[in-house]
Full PDB file with SEQRES, HELIX, SHEET, SSBOND, CRYST1, ORIGX, SCALE, CONECT and MASTER records, all heavy atoms in Angstrom:
SEQRES   1 A   36  LYS ASP GLN GLY LEU ALA PHE LEU SER VAL ASN VAL ALA          
SEQRES   2 A   36  TRP ASP THR GLU GLY GLY ALA LYS LYS PHE VAL GLU ALA          
SEQRES   3 A   36  TYR HIS LEU PRO PHE PRO VAL GLY ARG ASP                      
HELIX    1 AA1 GLU A   17  TYR A   27  1                                  11    
SHEET    1 AA1 2 SER A   9  ASN A  11  0                                        
SHEET    2 AA1 2 VAL A  33  ARG A  35  1                                        
CRYST1    1.000    1.000    1.000  90.00  90.00  90.00 P 1           1          
ORIGX1      1.000000  0.000000  0.000000        0.00000                         
ORIGX2      0.000000  1.000000  0.000000        0.00000                         
ORIGX3      0.000000  0.000000  1.000000        0.00000                         
SCALE1      1.000000  0.000000  0.000000        0.00000                         
SCALE2      0.000000  1.000000  0.000000        0.00000                         
SCALE3      0.000000  0.000000  1.000000        0.00000                         
ATOM      1  N   LYS A   1      87.446  44.985  90.609  1.00  0.00           N  
ATOM      2  CA  LYS A   1      88.763  44.824  89.945  1.00  0.00           C  
ATOM      3  C   LYS A   1      89.680  43.875  90.690  1.00  0.00           C  
ATOM      4  O   LYS A   1      90.457  43.127  90.068  1.00  0.00           O  
ATOM      5  CB  LYS A   1      89.461  46.152  89.757  1.00  0.00           C  
ATOM      6  CG  LYS A   1      89.872  46.838  91.033  1.00  0.00           C  
ATOM      7  CD  LYS A   1      90.630  48.172  90.769  1.00  0.00           C  
ATOM      8  CE  LYS A   1      91.080  48.781  92.031  1.00  0.00           C  
ATOM      9  NZ  LYS A   1      91.760  50.019  91.785  1.00  0.00           N  
ATOM     10  N   ASP A   2      89.584  43.817  92.046  1.00  0.00           N  
ATOM     11  CA  ASP A   2      90.473  42.925  92.789  1.00  0.00           C  
ATOM     12  C   ASP A   2      90.084  41.422  92.714  1.00  0.00           C  
ATOM     13  O   ASP A   2      90.807  40.566  93.072  1.00  0.00           O  
ATOM     14  CB  ASP A   2      90.479  43.340  94.285  1.00  0.00           C  
ATOM     15  CG  ASP A   2      91.198  44.654  94.446  1.00  0.00           C  
ATOM     16  OD1 ASP A   2      92.027  45.082  93.611  1.00  0.00           O  
ATOM     17  OD2 ASP A   2      90.923  45.359  95.503  1.00  0.00           O  
ATOM     18  N   GLN A   3      88.888  41.260  92.061  1.00  0.00           N  
ATOM     19  CA  GLN A   3      88.459  39.885  91.805  1.00  0.00           C  
ATOM     20  C   GLN A   3      88.862  39.444  90.399  1.00  0.00           C  
ATOM     21  O   GLN A   3      88.489  38.324  89.936  1.00  0.00           O  
ATOM     22  CB  GLN A   3      86.945  39.775  91.984  1.00  0.00           C  
ATOM     23  CG  GLN A   3      86.489  40.015  93.459  1.00  0.00           C  
ATOM     24  CD  GLN A   3      85.027  39.954  93.570  1.00  0.00           C  
ATOM     25  OE1 GLN A   3      84.393  38.962  93.102  1.00  0.00           O  
ATOM     26  NE2 GLN A   3      84.425  40.863  94.205  1.00  0.00           N  
ATOM     27  N   GLY A   4      89.632  40.236  89.735  1.00  0.00           N  
ATOM     28  CA  GLY A   4      90.166  39.853  88.402  1.00  0.00           C  
ATOM     29  C   GLY A   4      89.401  40.479  87.239  1.00  0.00           C  
ATOM     30  O   GLY A   4      89.738  40.153  86.116  1.00  0.00           O  
ATOM     31  N   LEU A   5      88.417  41.327  87.495  1.00  0.00           N  
ATOM     32  CA  LEU A   5      87.648  41.907  86.404  1.00  0.00           C  
ATOM     33  C   LEU A   5      88.481  42.921  85.623  1.00  0.00           C  
ATOM     34  O   LEU A   5      89.178  43.751  86.269  1.00  0.00           O  
ATOM     35  CB  LEU A   5      86.418  42.612  86.893  1.00  0.00           C  
ATOM     36  CG  LEU A   5      85.481  43.222  85.839  1.00  0.00           C  
ATOM     37  CD1 LEU A   5      84.819  42.157  85.031  1.00  0.00           C  
ATOM     38  CD2 LEU A   5      84.402  44.088  86.629  1.00  0.00           C  
ATOM     39  N   ALA A   6      88.432  42.942  84.250  1.00  0.00           N  
ATOM     40  CA  ALA A   6      89.072  43.887  83.466  1.00  0.00           C  
ATOM     41  C   ALA A   6      88.050  44.683  82.642  1.00  0.00           C  
ATOM     42  O   ALA A   6      86.971  44.185  82.315  1.00  0.00           O  
ATOM     43  CB  ALA A   6      90.047  43.222  82.480  1.00  0.00           C  
ATOM     44  N   PHE A   7      88.321  45.963  82.527  1.00  0.00           N  
ATOM     45  CA  PHE A   7      87.413  46.843  81.749  1.00  0.00           C  
ATOM     46  C   PHE A   7      88.254  47.417  80.604  1.00  0.00           C  
ATOM     47  O   PHE A   7      89.434  47.691  80.737  1.00  0.00           O  
ATOM     48  CB  PHE A   7      87.003  48.104  82.651  1.00  0.00           C  
ATOM     49  CG  PHE A   7      85.643  47.990  83.228  1.00  0.00           C  
ATOM     50  CD1 PHE A   7      85.376  46.903  84.074  1.00  0.00           C  
ATOM     51  CD2 PHE A   7      84.715  48.946  83.000  1.00  0.00           C  
ATOM     52  CE1 PHE A   7      84.052  46.866  84.668  1.00  0.00           C  
ATOM     53  CE2 PHE A   7      83.456  48.873  83.605  1.00  0.00           C  
ATOM     54  CZ  PHE A   7      83.162  47.889  84.438  1.00  0.00           C  
ATOM     55  N   LEU A   8      87.664  47.594  79.433  1.00  0.00           N  
ATOM     56  CA  LEU A   8      88.194  48.373  78.303  1.00  0.00           C  
ATOM     57  C   LEU A   8      87.147  49.306  77.911  1.00  0.00           C  
ATOM     58  O   LEU A   8      86.028  48.980  77.603  1.00  0.00           O  
ATOM     59  CB  LEU A   8      88.581  47.464  77.148  1.00  0.00           C  
ATOM     60  CG  LEU A   8      89.842  46.602  77.333  1.00  0.00           C  
ATOM     61  CD1 LEU A   8      90.068  45.815  76.109  1.00  0.00           C  
ATOM     62  CD2 LEU A   8      91.089  47.488  77.649  1.00  0.00           C  
ATOM     63  N   SER A   9      87.454  50.648  77.889  1.00  0.00           N  
ATOM     64  CA  SER A   9      86.553  51.640  77.523  1.00  0.00           C  
ATOM     65  C   SER A   9      86.931  52.184  76.140  1.00  0.00           C  
ATOM     66  O   SER A   9      88.015  52.682  75.949  1.00  0.00           O  
ATOM     67  CB  SER A   9      86.704  52.757  78.627  1.00  0.00           C  
ATOM     68  OG  SER A   9      85.769  53.830  78.441  1.00  0.00           O  
ATOM     69  N   VAL A  10      85.987  52.050  75.205  1.00  0.00           N  
ATOM     70  CA  VAL A  10      86.303  52.405  73.863  1.00  0.00           C  
ATOM     71  C   VAL A  10      85.434  53.669  73.404  1.00  0.00           C  
ATOM     72  O   VAL A  10      84.243  53.596  73.323  1.00  0.00           O  
ATOM     73  CB  VAL A  10      85.912  51.291  72.904  1.00  0.00           C  
ATOM     74  CG1 VAL A  10      86.314  51.607  71.464  1.00  0.00           C  
ATOM     75  CG2 VAL A  10      86.603  49.992  73.358  1.00  0.00           C  
ATOM     76  N   ASN A  11      86.171  54.744  73.179  1.00  0.00           N  
ATOM     77  CA  ASN A  11      85.496  56.010  72.723  1.00  0.00           C  
ATOM     78  C   ASN A  11      85.329  55.868  71.196  1.00  0.00           C  
ATOM     79  O   ASN A  11      86.299  55.559  70.501  1.00  0.00           O  
ATOM     80  CB  ASN A  11      86.406  57.224  73.013  1.00  0.00           C  
ATOM     81  CG  ASN A  11      85.791  58.490  72.540  1.00  0.00           C  
ATOM     82  OD1 ASN A  11      86.386  59.139  71.731  1.00  0.00           O  
ATOM     83  ND2 ASN A  11      84.684  58.915  73.122  1.00  0.00           N  
ATOM     84  N   VAL A  12      84.148  56.096  70.745  1.00  0.00           N  
ATOM     85  CA  VAL A  12      83.752  55.782  69.305  1.00  0.00           C  
ATOM     86  C   VAL A  12      84.315  56.864  68.342  1.00  0.00           C  
ATOM     87  O   VAL A  12      84.579  58.011  68.696  1.00  0.00           O  
ATOM     88  CB  VAL A  12      82.194  55.639  69.171  1.00  0.00           C  
ATOM     89  CG1 VAL A  12      81.757  54.413  69.889  1.00  0.00           C  
ATOM     90  CG2 VAL A  12      81.466  56.842  69.712  1.00  0.00           C  
ATOM     91  N   ALA A  13      84.363  56.496  67.090  1.00  0.00           N  
ATOM     92  CA  ALA A  13      84.930  57.308  66.025  1.00  0.00           C  
ATOM     93  C   ALA A  13      84.147  58.671  65.827  1.00  0.00           C  
ATOM     94  O   ALA A  13      84.760  59.658  65.384  1.00  0.00           O  
ATOM     95  CB  ALA A  13      84.923  56.569  64.705  1.00  0.00           C  
ATOM     96  N   TRP A  14      82.890  58.632  66.134  1.00  0.00           N  
ATOM     97  CA  TRP A  14      82.107  59.934  65.825  1.00  0.00           C  
ATOM     98  C   TRP A  14      82.306  60.924  66.937  1.00  0.00           C  
ATOM     99  O   TRP A  14      81.701  61.991  66.947  1.00  0.00           O  
ATOM    100  CB  TRP A  14      80.675  59.622  65.546  1.00  0.00           C  
ATOM    101  CG  TRP A  14      79.858  58.897  66.548  1.00  0.00           C  
ATOM    102  CD1 TRP A  14      79.231  59.394  67.608  1.00  0.00           C  
ATOM    103  CD2 TRP A  14      79.719  57.444  66.550  1.00  0.00           C  
ATOM    104  NE1 TRP A  14      78.633  58.335  68.301  1.00  0.00           N  
ATOM    105  CE2 TRP A  14      78.866  57.134  67.750  1.00  0.00           C  
ATOM    106  CE3 TRP A  14      80.142  56.391  65.746  1.00  0.00           C  
ATOM    107  CZ2 TRP A  14      78.530  55.830  68.078  1.00  0.00           C  
ATOM    108  CZ3 TRP A  14      79.724  55.133  66.056  1.00  0.00           C  
ATOM    109  CH2 TRP A  14      78.979  54.815  67.187  1.00  0.00           C  
ATOM    110  N   ASP A  15      83.059  60.632  67.987  1.00  0.00           N  
ATOM    111  CA  ASP A  15      83.390  61.578  69.018  1.00  0.00           C  
ATOM    112  C   ASP A  15      84.791  62.220  68.618  1.00  0.00           C  
ATOM    113  O   ASP A  15      85.314  61.908  67.591  1.00  0.00           O  
ATOM    114  CB  ASP A  15      83.470  60.862  70.325  1.00  0.00           C  
ATOM    115  CG  ASP A  15      83.295  61.751  71.542  1.00  0.00           C  
ATOM    116  OD1 ASP A  15      83.237  62.980  71.366  1.00  0.00           O  
ATOM    117  OD2 ASP A  15      83.214  61.251  72.677  1.00  0.00           O  
ATOM    118  N   THR A  16      85.266  63.091  69.532  1.00  0.00           N  
ATOM    119  CA  THR A  16      86.527  63.739  69.333  1.00  0.00           C  
ATOM    120  C   THR A  16      87.530  63.399  70.410  1.00  0.00           C  
ATOM    121  O   THR A  16      87.064  63.054  71.551  1.00  0.00           O  
ATOM    122  CB  THR A  16      86.422  65.299  69.302  1.00  0.00           C  
ATOM    123  OG1 THR A  16      86.015  65.730  70.596  1.00  0.00           O  
ATOM    124  CG2 THR A  16      85.411  65.754  68.231  1.00  0.00           C  
ATOM    125  N   GLU A  17      88.831  63.429  70.189  1.00  0.00           N  
ATOM    126  CA  GLU A  17      89.745  63.097  71.173  1.00  0.00           C  
ATOM    127  C   GLU A  17      89.711  64.123  72.352  1.00  0.00           C  
ATOM    128  O   GLU A  17      89.780  63.720  73.508  1.00  0.00           O  
ATOM    129  CB  GLU A  17      91.186  63.079  70.597  1.00  0.00           C  
ATOM    130  CG  GLU A  17      92.234  62.651  71.600  1.00  0.00           C  
ATOM    131  CD  GLU A  17      93.586  62.327  70.942  1.00  0.00           C  
ATOM    132  OE1 GLU A  17      93.694  62.290  69.678  1.00  0.00           O  
ATOM    133  OE2 GLU A  17      94.489  62.127  71.754  1.00  0.00           O  
ATOM    134  N   GLY A  18      89.470  65.366  72.017  1.00  0.00           N  
ATOM    135  CA  GLY A  18      89.348  66.410  73.096  1.00  0.00           C  
ATOM    136  C   GLY A  18      88.126  66.107  73.938  1.00  0.00           C  
ATOM    137  O   GLY A  18      88.255  66.201  75.201  1.00  0.00           O  
ATOM    138  N   GLY A  19      87.070  65.799  73.329  1.00  0.00           N  
ATOM    139  CA  GLY A  19      85.874  65.433  74.118  1.00  0.00           C  
ATOM    140  C   GLY A  19      86.058  64.189  74.969  1.00  0.00           C  
ATOM    141  O   GLY A  19      85.623  64.135  76.108  1.00  0.00           O  
ATOM    142  N   ALA A  20      86.806  63.249  74.411  1.00  0.00           N  
ATOM    143  CA  ALA A  20      87.076  61.958  75.212  1.00  0.00           C  
ATOM    144  C   ALA A  20      87.893  62.306  76.410  1.00  0.00           C  
ATOM    145  O   ALA A  20      87.619  61.806  77.498  1.00  0.00           O  
ATOM    146  CB  ALA A  20      87.751  61.013  74.298  1.00  0.00           C  
ATOM    147  N   LYS A  21      88.942  63.087  76.259  1.00  0.00           N  
ATOM    148  CA  LYS A  21      89.897  63.422  77.388  1.00  0.00           C  
ATOM    149  C   LYS A  21      89.118  64.173  78.483  1.00  0.00           C  
ATOM    150  O   LYS A  21      89.253  63.935  79.651  1.00  0.00           O  
ATOM    151  CB  LYS A  21      91.072  64.171  76.862  1.00  0.00           C  
ATOM    152  CG  LYS A  21      92.029  63.345  76.141  1.00  0.00           C  
ATOM    153  CD  LYS A  21      93.252  64.136  75.587  1.00  0.00           C  
ATOM    154  CE  LYS A  21      94.227  63.246  74.898  1.00  0.00           C  
ATOM    155  NZ  LYS A  21      95.401  63.862  74.369  1.00  0.00           N  
ATOM    156  N   LYS A  22      88.273  65.124  78.099  1.00  0.00           N  
ATOM    157  CA  LYS A  22      87.484  65.850  79.088  1.00  0.00           C  
ATOM    158  C   LYS A  22      86.531  64.977  79.808  1.00  0.00           C  
ATOM    159  O   LYS A  22      86.337  65.086  81.014  1.00  0.00           O  
ATOM    160  CB  LYS A  22      86.726  67.003  78.431  1.00  0.00           C  
ATOM    161  CG  LYS A  22      87.582  68.158  77.972  1.00  0.00           C  
ATOM    162  CD  LYS A  22      86.705  69.223  77.257  1.00  0.00           C  
ATOM    163  CE  LYS A  22      87.679  70.333  76.724  1.00  0.00           C  
ATOM    164  NZ  LYS A  22      86.907  71.288  75.941  1.00  0.00           N  
ATOM    165  N   PHE A  23      85.893  64.026  79.093  1.00  0.00           N  
ATOM    166  CA  PHE A  23      85.014  63.047  79.687  1.00  0.00           C  
ATOM    167  C   PHE A  23      85.719  62.161  80.781  1.00  0.00           C  
ATOM    168  O   PHE A  23      85.228  62.003  81.898  1.00  0.00           O  
ATOM    169  CB  PHE A  23      84.403  62.174  78.610  1.00  0.00           C  
ATOM    170  CG  PHE A  23      83.331  61.224  79.007  1.00  0.00           C  
ATOM    171  CD1 PHE A  23      81.998  61.633  78.941  1.00  0.00           C  
ATOM    172  CD2 PHE A  23      83.594  59.962  79.456  1.00  0.00           C  
ATOM    173  CE1 PHE A  23      80.974  60.750  79.238  1.00  0.00           C  
ATOM    174  CE2 PHE A  23      82.582  59.056  79.814  1.00  0.00           C  
ATOM    175  CZ  PHE A  23      81.270  59.527  79.744  1.00  0.00           C  
ATOM    176  N   VAL A  24      86.913  61.671  80.398  1.00  0.00           N  
ATOM    177  CA  VAL A  24      87.689  60.873  81.295  1.00  0.00           C  
ATOM    178  C   VAL A  24      88.076  61.614  82.555  1.00  0.00           C  
ATOM    179  O   VAL A  24      87.982  61.072  83.724  1.00  0.00           O  
ATOM    180  CB  VAL A  24      88.908  60.272  80.555  1.00  0.00           C  
ATOM    181  CG1 VAL A  24      89.866  59.603  81.579  1.00  0.00           C  
ATOM    182  CG2 VAL A  24      88.511  59.353  79.506  1.00  0.00           C  
ATOM    183  N   GLU A  25      88.483  62.867  82.411  1.00  0.00           N  
ATOM    184  CA  GLU A  25      88.812  63.672  83.521  1.00  0.00           C  
ATOM    185  C   GLU A  25      87.608  64.005  84.445  1.00  0.00           C  
ATOM    186  O   GLU A  25      87.635  63.935  85.598  1.00  0.00           O  
ATOM    187  CB  GLU A  25      89.454  65.033  83.046  1.00  0.00           C  
ATOM    188  CG  GLU A  25      90.812  64.818  82.458  1.00  0.00           C  
ATOM    189  CD  GLU A  25      91.361  66.108  81.802  1.00  0.00           C  
ATOM    190  OE1 GLU A  25      90.763  67.155  82.037  1.00  0.00           O  
ATOM    191  OE2 GLU A  25      92.368  66.014  81.067  1.00  0.00           O  
ATOM    192  N   ALA A  26      86.511  64.338  83.733  1.00  0.00           N  
ATOM    193  CA  ALA A  26      85.255  64.669  84.520  1.00  0.00           C  
ATOM    194  C   ALA A  26      84.755  63.555  85.348  1.00  0.00           C  
ATOM    195  O   ALA A  26      84.311  63.814  86.519  1.00  0.00           O  
ATOM    196  CB  ALA A  26      84.195  65.169  83.520  1.00  0.00           C  
ATOM    197  N   TYR A  27      84.791  62.334  84.840  1.00  0.00           N  
ATOM    198  CA  TYR A  27      84.246  61.239  85.561  1.00  0.00           C  
ATOM    199  C   TYR A  27      85.296  60.328  86.220  1.00  0.00           C  
ATOM    200  O   TYR A  27      84.917  59.273  86.815  1.00  0.00           O  
ATOM    201  CB  TYR A  27      83.417  60.358  84.606  1.00  0.00           C  
ATOM    202  CG  TYR A  27      82.134  61.123  84.095  1.00  0.00           C  
ATOM    203  CD1 TYR A  27      82.100  61.620  82.842  1.00  0.00           C  
ATOM    204  CD2 TYR A  27      81.088  61.337  84.973  1.00  0.00           C  
ATOM    205  CE1 TYR A  27      81.015  62.375  82.397  1.00  0.00           C  
ATOM    206  CE2 TYR A  27      79.979  62.041  84.571  1.00  0.00           C  
ATOM    207  CZ  TYR A  27      79.920  62.568  83.265  1.00  0.00           C  
ATOM    208  OH  TYR A  27      78.866  63.239  82.868  1.00  0.00           O  
ATOM    209  N   HIS A  28      86.561  60.758  86.184  1.00  0.00           N  
ATOM    210  CA  HIS A  28      87.694  60.094  86.898  1.00  0.00           C  
ATOM    211  C   HIS A  28      87.652  58.583  86.560  1.00  0.00           C  
ATOM    212  O   HIS A  28      87.658  57.732  87.492  1.00  0.00           O  
ATOM    213  CB  HIS A  28      87.568  60.295  88.379  1.00  0.00           C  
ATOM    214  CG  HIS A  28      87.525  61.733  88.775  1.00  0.00           C  
ATOM    215  ND1 HIS A  28      88.529  62.643  88.651  1.00  0.00           N  
ATOM    216  CD2 HIS A  28      86.422  62.402  89.244  1.00  0.00           C  
ATOM    217  CE1 HIS A  28      88.150  63.808  89.022  1.00  0.00           C  
ATOM    218  NE2 HIS A  28      86.842  63.746  89.364  1.00  0.00           N  
ATOM    219  N   LEU A  29      87.588  58.237  85.257  1.00  0.00           N  
ATOM    220  CA  LEU A  29      87.542  56.796  84.838  1.00  0.00           C  
ATOM    221  C   LEU A  29      88.831  56.122  85.232  1.00  0.00           C  
ATOM    222  O   LEU A  29      89.922  56.500  84.813  1.00  0.00           O  
ATOM    223  CB  LEU A  29      87.239  56.694  83.401  1.00  0.00           C  
ATOM    224  CG  LEU A  29      85.966  57.381  82.930  1.00  0.00           C  
ATOM    225  CD1 LEU A  29      85.756  57.098  81.435  1.00  0.00           C  
ATOM    226  CD2 LEU A  29      84.718  56.878  83.717  1.00  0.00           C  
ATOM    227  N   PRO A  30      88.736  55.031  86.021  1.00  0.00           N  
ATOM    228  CA  PRO A  30      89.966  54.383  86.584  1.00  0.00           C  
ATOM    229  C   PRO A  30      90.437  53.233  85.736  1.00  0.00           C  
ATOM    230  O   PRO A  30      91.445  52.585  86.071  1.00  0.00           O  
ATOM    231  CB  PRO A  30      89.460  53.873  87.939  1.00  0.00           C  
ATOM    232  CG  PRO A  30      88.012  53.549  87.689  1.00  0.00           C  
ATOM    233  CD  PRO A  30      87.523  54.554  86.672  1.00  0.00           C  
ATOM    234  N   PHE A  31      89.843  52.957  84.620  1.00  0.00           N  
ATOM    235  CA  PHE A  31      90.223  51.783  83.809  1.00  0.00           C  
ATOM    236  C   PHE A  31      90.777  52.310  82.484  1.00  0.00           C  
ATOM    237  O   PHE A  31      90.658  53.481  82.183  1.00  0.00           O  
ATOM    238  CB  PHE A  31      89.000  50.873  83.559  1.00  0.00           C  
ATOM    239  CG  PHE A  31      87.672  51.644  83.382  1.00  0.00           C  
ATOM    240  CD1 PHE A  31      87.396  52.367  82.236  1.00  0.00           C  
ATOM    241  CD2 PHE A  31      86.742  51.638  84.428  1.00  0.00           C  
ATOM    242  CE1 PHE A  31      86.196  53.048  82.111  1.00  0.00           C  
ATOM    243  CE2 PHE A  31      85.527  52.305  84.323  1.00  0.00           C  
ATOM    244  CZ  PHE A  31      85.240  53.004  83.125  1.00  0.00           C  
ATOM    245  N   PRO A  32      91.353  51.337  81.712  1.00  0.00           N  
ATOM    246  CA  PRO A  32      91.967  51.811  80.391  1.00  0.00           C  
ATOM    247  C   PRO A  32      90.943  52.358  79.408  1.00  0.00           C  
ATOM    248  O   PRO A  32      89.890  51.743  79.195  1.00  0.00           O  
ATOM    249  CB  PRO A  32      92.567  50.506  79.869  1.00  0.00           C  
ATOM    250  CG  PRO A  32      92.718  49.623  81.030  1.00  0.00           C  
ATOM    251  CD  PRO A  32      91.647  49.978  81.978  1.00  0.00           C  
ATOM    252  N   VAL A  33      91.272  53.542  78.837  1.00  0.00           N  
ATOM    253  CA  VAL A  33      90.327  54.171  77.942  1.00  0.00           C  
ATOM    254  C   VAL A  33      91.134  54.477  76.675  1.00  0.00           C  
ATOM    255  O   VAL A  33      92.236  55.059  76.646  1.00  0.00           O  
ATOM    256  CB  VAL A  33      89.793  55.518  78.487  1.00  0.00           C  
ATOM    257  CG1 VAL A  33      88.889  56.218  77.469  1.00  0.00           C  
ATOM    258  CG2 VAL A  33      89.123  55.291  79.876  1.00  0.00           C  
ATOM    259  N   GLY A  34      90.525  54.148  75.529  1.00  0.00           N  
ATOM    260  CA  GLY A  34      91.210  54.457  74.236  1.00  0.00           C  
ATOM    261  C   GLY A  34      90.221  54.903  73.220  1.00  0.00           C  
ATOM    262  O   GLY A  34      88.993  54.846  73.431  1.00  0.00           O  
ATOM    263  N   ARG A  35      90.667  55.327  72.089  1.00  0.00           N  
ATOM    264  CA  ARG A  35      89.877  55.847  70.977  1.00  0.00           C  
ATOM    265  C   ARG A  35      89.831  54.816  69.791  1.00  0.00           C  
ATOM    266  O   ARG A  35      90.862  54.330  69.422  1.00  0.00           O  
ATOM    267  CB  ARG A  35      90.356  57.171  70.463  1.00  0.00           C  
ATOM    268  CG  ARG A  35      90.241  58.260  71.427  1.00  0.00           C  
ATOM    269  CD  ARG A  35      89.447  59.515  70.921  1.00  0.00           C  
ATOM    270  NE  ARG A  35      89.412  59.811  69.543  1.00  0.00           N  
ATOM    271  CZ  ARG A  35      88.317  59.821  68.834  1.00  0.00           C  
ATOM    272  NH1 ARG A  35      87.163  59.456  69.305  1.00  0.00           N  
ATOM    273  NH2 ARG A  35      88.356  60.169  67.548  1.00  0.00           N  
ATOM    274  N   ASP A  36      88.699  54.651  69.258  1.00  0.00           N  
ATOM    275  CA  ASP A  36      88.531  53.888  68.073  1.00  0.00           C  
ATOM    276  C   ASP A  36      88.328  54.844  66.909  1.00  0.00           C  
ATOM    277  O   ASP A  36      87.263  54.922  66.320  1.00  0.00           O  
ATOM    278  CB  ASP A  36      87.289  52.935  68.235  1.00  0.00           C  
ATOM    279  CG  ASP A  36      87.032  52.059  67.018  1.00  0.00           C  
ATOM    280  OD1 ASP A  36      87.997  51.792  66.243  1.00  0.00           O  
ATOM    281  OD2 ASP A  36      85.855  51.613  66.832  1.00  0.00           O  
TER     282      ASP A  36                                                      
MASTER        0    0    0    1    2    0    0    6  281    1    0    3          
END                                                                             
């Protein structure tokens, strides 16, 4: 990331928002995460 790399993490439509939030917390995802 300090070399300028950007990440976008896209949770797909067939998942749930609750499942996505638990996943992000469980794996401590440090980059922007959103739902499609």
